[in-house]
């Protein structure tokens, strides 16, 4: 990954270069994430786990979290256990439900 830089002194964030495998899948070249969670996001990316969202918890450490695909949840939890077990993992699952009876 490339270099990162802090872009806001009030709400510190880092611009992370996305990994090539993510760009090949349609991700943009770089993504801005909260600085306090950037190392965790980079660790998940190194394990080829894409993050769908992350947040430092708006100055509340108990609310820090990262969202991953449902199938990556267990692996993400295992990785973060060694980095910062206080970061919560959320899982995303898209379910289509018909609105009219079949």
N, C-alpha and C. Protein backbone atom coordinates (compact mmCIF):
# COMPACT_ATOMS: atom_id res chain seq x y z
N UNK A 1 0.83 -1.17 0.00
CA UNK A 1 0.00 0.00 0.00
C UNK A 1 0.87 1.23 0.00
N UNK A 2 0.31 2.30 -0.43
CA UNK A 2 1.06 3.54 -0.50
C UNK A 2 1.06 4.29 0.81
N UNK A 3 1.49 5.50 0.76
CA UNK A 3 1.57 6.31 1.96
C UNK A 3 0.19 6.83 2.33
N UNK A 4 0.06 7.21 3.56
CA UNK A 4 -1.19 7.80 4.02
C UNK A 4 -0.88 9.16 4.62
N UNK A 5 -1.88 10.00 4.69
CA UNK A 5 -1.66 11.32 5.25
C UNK A 5 -2.88 11.74 6.06
N UNK A 6 -2.64 12.47 7.10
CA UNK A 6 -3.73 13.03 7.90
C UNK A 6 -4.30 14.21 7.12
N UNK A 7 -5.62 14.25 6.95
CA UNK A 7 -6.21 15.33 6.16
C UNK A 7 -7.05 16.29 6.97
N UNK A 8 -7.32 16.00 8.24
CA UNK A 8 -8.11 16.91 9.06
C UNK A 8 -7.64 16.84 10.50
N UNK A 9 -7.16 17.94 11.07
CA UNK A 9 -6.69 17.88 12.45
C UNK A 9 -7.81 17.69 13.46
N UNK A 10 -9.04 18.12 13.13
CA UNK A 10 -10.17 17.98 14.05
C UNK A 10 -10.67 16.54 14.12
N UNK A 11 -10.86 15.95 13.00
CA UNK A 11 -11.26 14.55 12.91
C UNK A 11 -10.19 13.86 12.09
N UNK A 12 -9.15 13.37 12.73
CA UNK A 12 -8.03 12.80 11.98
C UNK A 12 -8.46 11.63 11.10
N UNK A 13 -8.09 11.73 9.86
CA UNK A 13 -8.38 10.68 8.89
C UNK A 13 -7.12 10.40 8.08
N UNK A 14 -7.10 9.24 7.48
CA UNK A 14 -5.98 8.89 6.61
C UNK A 14 -6.52 8.49 5.25
N UNK A 15 -5.78 8.83 4.23
CA UNK A 15 -6.10 8.38 2.88
C UNK A 15 -5.27 7.13 2.63
N UNK A 16 -5.95 6.02 2.43
CA UNK A 16 -5.27 4.74 2.20
C UNK A 16 -5.36 4.37 0.73
N UNK A 17 -4.24 3.95 0.17
CA UNK A 17 -4.25 3.41 -1.19
C UNK A 17 -4.87 2.01 -1.12
N UNK A 18 -5.87 1.80 -1.93
CA UNK A 18 -6.51 0.48 -1.91
C UNK A 18 -5.61 -0.55 -2.58
N UNK A 19 -5.70 -1.81 -2.13
CA UNK A 19 -4.87 -2.85 -2.74
C UNK A 19 -5.30 -3.11 -4.19
N UNK A 20 -4.38 -3.61 -4.98
CA UNK A 20 -4.65 -3.87 -6.39
C UNK A 20 -5.83 -4.82 -6.57
N UNK A 21 -5.91 -5.86 -5.75
CA UNK A 21 -7.02 -6.83 -5.91
C UNK A 21 -8.37 -6.15 -5.72
N UNK A 22 -8.42 -5.12 -4.87
CA UNK A 22 -9.67 -4.39 -4.67
C UNK A 22 -9.97 -3.49 -5.86
N UNK A 23 -8.93 -2.83 -6.38
CA UNK A 23 -9.11 -1.99 -7.57
C UNK A 23 -9.54 -2.83 -8.76
N UNK A 24 -8.97 -4.04 -8.88
CA UNK A 24 -9.37 -4.94 -9.97
C UNK A 24 -10.85 -5.29 -9.87
N UNK A 25 -11.37 -5.27 -8.65
CA UNK A 25 -12.78 -5.57 -8.42
C UNK A 25 -13.68 -4.35 -8.48
N UNK A 26 -13.11 -3.19 -8.80
CA UNK A 26 -13.93 -1.99 -8.99
C UNK A 26 -13.79 -0.94 -7.90
N UNK A 27 -12.95 -1.16 -6.91
CA UNK A 27 -12.76 -0.15 -5.85
C UNK A 27 -11.99 1.04 -6.40
N UNK A 28 -12.21 2.18 -5.79
CA UNK A 28 -11.46 3.38 -6.18
C UNK A 28 -10.01 3.25 -5.74
N UNK A 29 -9.15 4.11 -6.24
CA UNK A 29 -7.71 4.02 -5.98
C UNK A 29 -7.33 4.28 -4.53
N UNK A 30 -8.08 5.13 -3.85
CA UNK A 30 -7.78 5.43 -2.46
C UNK A 30 -9.09 5.68 -1.71
N UNK A 31 -9.02 5.48 -0.40
CA UNK A 31 -10.21 5.64 0.44
C UNK A 31 -9.79 6.35 1.72
N UNK A 32 -10.61 7.26 2.18
CA UNK A 32 -10.36 7.99 3.41
C UNK A 32 -11.02 7.24 4.57
N UNK A 33 -10.24 6.95 5.60
CA UNK A 33 -10.78 6.27 6.79
C UNK A 33 -10.34 7.02 8.03
N UNK A 34 -11.06 6.82 9.12
CA UNK A 34 -10.68 7.43 10.39
C UNK A 34 -9.31 6.91 10.81
N UNK A 35 -8.45 7.81 11.23
CA UNK A 35 -7.06 7.46 11.55
C UNK A 35 -6.96 6.42 12.66
N UNK A 36 -7.84 6.48 13.65
CA UNK A 36 -7.72 5.56 14.78
C UNK A 36 -8.02 4.11 14.40
N UNK A 37 -8.56 3.90 13.23
CA UNK A 37 -8.93 2.55 12.81
C UNK A 37 -8.19 2.13 11.53
N UNK A 38 -7.34 3.01 11.02
CA UNK A 38 -6.65 2.76 9.75
C UNK A 38 -5.77 1.51 9.78
N UNK A 39 -5.05 1.28 10.86
CA UNK A 39 -4.19 0.09 10.93
C UNK A 39 -5.01 -1.19 10.86
N UNK A 40 -6.18 -1.18 11.49
CA UNK A 40 -7.05 -2.36 11.44
C UNK A 40 -7.58 -2.58 10.03
N UNK A 41 -7.96 -1.52 9.35
CA UNK A 41 -8.45 -1.63 7.97
C UNK A 41 -7.33 -2.18 7.08
N UNK A 42 -6.12 -1.66 7.24
CA UNK A 42 -5.00 -2.14 6.42
C UNK A 42 -4.71 -3.61 6.69
N UNK A 43 -4.83 -4.04 7.93
CA UNK A 43 -4.60 -5.45 8.26
C UNK A 43 -5.63 -6.35 7.59
N UNK A 44 -6.87 -5.92 7.56
CA UNK A 44 -7.91 -6.70 6.89
C UNK A 44 -7.65 -6.74 5.39
N UNK A 45 -7.25 -5.63 4.81
CA UNK A 45 -6.95 -5.61 3.38
C UNK A 45 -5.78 -6.53 3.05
N UNK A 46 -4.78 -6.56 3.93
CA UNK A 46 -3.64 -7.47 3.69
C UNK A 46 -4.11 -8.92 3.65
N UNK A 47 -5.17 -9.21 4.39
CA UNK A 47 -5.74 -10.57 4.40
C UNK A 47 -6.79 -10.75 3.30
N UNK A 48 -6.88 -9.75 2.41
CA UNK A 48 -7.84 -9.76 1.30
C UNK A 48 -9.29 -9.78 1.78
N UNK A 49 -9.52 -9.08 2.88
CA UNK A 49 -10.88 -8.87 3.37
C UNK A 49 -11.23 -7.42 3.10
N UNK A 50 -12.23 -7.23 2.24
CA UNK A 50 -12.64 -5.89 1.87
C UNK A 50 -13.52 -5.30 2.98
N UNK A 51 -13.32 -4.03 3.27
CA UNK A 51 -14.12 -3.33 4.27
C UNK A 51 -15.17 -2.48 3.56
N UNK A 52 -16.39 -2.55 4.03
CA UNK A 52 -17.49 -1.80 3.43
C UNK A 52 -17.72 -0.47 4.15
N UNK A 53 -17.17 -0.36 5.34
CA UNK A 53 -17.30 0.86 6.12
C UNK A 53 -16.54 0.72 7.42
N UNK A 54 -16.19 1.85 8.01
CA UNK A 54 -15.51 1.82 9.30
C UNK A 54 -15.73 3.15 9.98
N UNK A 55 -15.62 3.12 11.32
CA UNK A 55 -15.84 4.35 12.08
C UNK A 55 -15.08 4.27 13.40
N UNK A 56 -14.52 5.39 13.80
CA UNK A 56 -13.82 5.47 15.09
C UNK A 56 -14.78 5.63 16.26
N UNK A 57 -16.05 5.74 16.00
CA UNK A 57 -17.03 5.83 17.08
C UNK A 57 -17.33 7.23 17.56
N UNK A 58 -17.01 8.22 16.75
CA UNK A 58 -17.32 9.62 17.10
C UNK A 58 -16.82 9.95 18.51
N UNK A 59 -15.53 9.68 18.72
CA UNK A 59 -14.84 9.94 19.98
C UNK A 59 -15.28 9.02 21.12
N UNK A 60 -15.98 7.95 20.80
CA UNK A 60 -16.36 6.96 21.81
C UNK A 60 -15.72 5.64 21.42
N UNK A 61 -14.64 5.23 22.08
CA UNK A 61 -13.94 4.00 21.71
C UNK A 61 -14.83 2.75 21.73
N UNK A 62 -15.90 2.78 22.53
CA UNK A 62 -16.80 1.63 22.59
C UNK A 62 -17.61 1.45 21.32
N UNK A 63 -17.64 2.47 20.47
CA UNK A 63 -18.45 2.41 19.25
C UNK A 63 -17.63 2.19 17.99
N UNK A 64 -16.31 1.96 18.13
CA UNK A 64 -15.48 1.76 16.94
C UNK A 64 -15.87 0.46 16.26
N UNK A 65 -15.95 0.49 14.93
CA UNK A 65 -16.33 -0.72 14.22
C UNK A 65 -15.95 -0.69 12.75
N UNK A 66 -15.92 -1.89 12.19
CA UNK A 66 -15.64 -2.08 10.77
C UNK A 66 -16.68 -3.04 10.22
N UNK A 67 -17.20 -2.73 9.04
CA UNK A 67 -18.19 -3.58 8.39
C UNK A 67 -17.53 -4.34 7.25
N UNK A 68 -17.76 -5.64 7.21
CA UNK A 68 -17.23 -6.51 6.16
C UNK A 68 -18.36 -7.34 5.59
N UNK A 69 -18.09 -8.05 4.51
CA UNK A 69 -19.08 -8.99 3.97
C UNK A 69 -19.36 -10.08 4.99
N UNK A 70 -20.58 -10.58 5.00
CA UNK A 70 -20.98 -11.58 5.99
C UNK A 70 -20.03 -12.78 6.02
N UNK A 71 -19.60 -13.24 4.86
CA UNK A 71 -18.72 -14.40 4.79
C UNK A 71 -17.32 -14.16 5.34
N UNK A 72 -16.94 -12.91 5.55
CA UNK A 72 -15.61 -12.57 6.05
C UNK A 72 -15.59 -12.24 7.54
N UNK A 73 -16.74 -12.28 8.19
CA UNK A 73 -16.87 -11.82 9.57
C UNK A 73 -15.95 -12.58 10.54
N UNK A 74 -15.96 -13.89 10.49
CA UNK A 74 -15.17 -14.69 11.43
C UNK A 74 -13.67 -14.45 11.22
N UNK A 75 -13.24 -14.43 9.97
CA UNK A 75 -11.82 -14.17 9.68
C UNK A 75 -11.42 -12.77 10.14
N UNK A 76 -12.29 -11.80 9.91
CA UNK A 76 -12.00 -10.42 10.34
C UNK A 76 -11.88 -10.34 11.86
N UNK A 77 -12.75 -11.03 12.57
CA UNK A 77 -12.69 -11.03 14.03
C UNK A 77 -11.38 -11.63 14.51
N UNK A 78 -10.93 -12.69 13.87
CA UNK A 78 -9.68 -13.34 14.26
C UNK A 78 -8.49 -12.41 14.03
N UNK A 79 -8.49 -11.70 12.92
CA UNK A 79 -7.40 -10.77 12.62
C UNK A 79 -7.37 -9.62 13.63
N UNK A 80 -8.53 -9.04 13.89
CA UNK A 80 -8.58 -7.90 14.80
C UNK A 80 -8.31 -8.30 16.24
N UNK A 81 -8.55 -9.54 16.59
CA UNK A 81 -8.26 -10.01 17.95
C UNK A 81 -6.78 -9.79 18.26
N UNK A 82 -5.91 -9.95 17.25
CA UNK A 82 -4.49 -9.75 17.45
C UNK A 82 -4.05 -8.31 17.32
N UNK A 83 -4.91 -7.45 16.81
CA UNK A 83 -4.54 -6.04 16.60
C UNK A 83 -5.19 -5.15 17.65
N UNK A 84 -6.51 -5.25 17.73
CA UNK A 84 -7.26 -4.46 18.71
C UNK A 84 -8.63 -5.11 18.90
N UNK A 85 -8.76 -5.97 19.89
CA UNK A 85 -10.02 -6.71 20.08
C UNK A 85 -11.20 -5.83 20.48
N UNK A 86 -10.96 -4.55 20.78
CA UNK A 86 -12.07 -3.67 21.15
C UNK A 86 -12.85 -3.18 19.92
N UNK A 87 -12.28 -3.35 18.74
CA UNK A 87 -12.98 -2.93 17.51
C UNK A 87 -14.03 -3.97 17.16
N UNK A 88 -15.26 -3.51 17.02
CA UNK A 88 -16.36 -4.41 16.69
C UNK A 88 -16.39 -4.67 15.19
N UNK A 89 -16.83 -5.87 14.81
CA UNK A 89 -17.00 -6.23 13.40
C UNK A 89 -18.49 -6.36 13.11
N UNK A 90 -18.92 -5.65 12.10
CA UNK A 90 -20.28 -5.78 11.60
C UNK A 90 -20.22 -6.51 10.27
N UNK A 91 -21.29 -7.23 9.95
CA UNK A 91 -21.32 -7.99 8.71
C UNK A 91 -22.48 -7.52 7.85
N UNK A 92 -22.20 -7.43 6.56
CA UNK A 92 -23.20 -6.99 5.59
C UNK A 92 -23.68 -8.20 4.81
N UNK A 93 -25.00 -8.29 4.67
CA UNK A 93 -25.59 -9.34 3.83
C UNK A 93 -26.73 -8.71 3.06
N UNK A 94 -26.70 -8.84 1.75
CA UNK A 94 -27.77 -8.33 0.91
C UNK A 94 -28.77 -9.45 0.68
N UNK A 95 -30.00 -9.21 1.06
CA UNK A 95 -31.06 -10.19 0.87
C UNK A 95 -32.19 -9.52 0.09
N UNK A 96 -32.53 -10.11 -1.05
CA UNK A 96 -33.63 -9.59 -1.85
C UNK A 96 -34.91 -10.32 -1.43
N UNK A 97 -35.94 -9.55 -1.14
CA UNK A 97 -37.22 -10.11 -0.75
C UNK A 97 -38.29 -9.57 -1.69
N UNK A 98 -39.07 -10.46 -2.29
CA UNK A 98 -40.13 -9.96 -3.18
C UNK A 98 -41.15 -9.15 -2.40
N UNK A 99 -41.68 -8.11 -3.03
CA UNK A 99 -42.67 -7.28 -2.36
C UNK A 99 -44.09 -7.73 -2.63
N UNK A 100 -44.24 -8.62 -3.61
CA UNK A 100 -45.58 -9.15 -3.92
C UNK A 100 -45.54 -10.68 -3.85
N UNK A 101 -46.62 -11.29 -3.44
CA UNK A 101 -46.62 -12.77 -3.38
C UNK A 101 -46.37 -13.37 -4.76
N UNK A 102 -45.68 -14.50 -4.78
CA UNK A 102 -45.38 -15.17 -6.05
C UNK A 102 -46.56 -15.95 -6.55
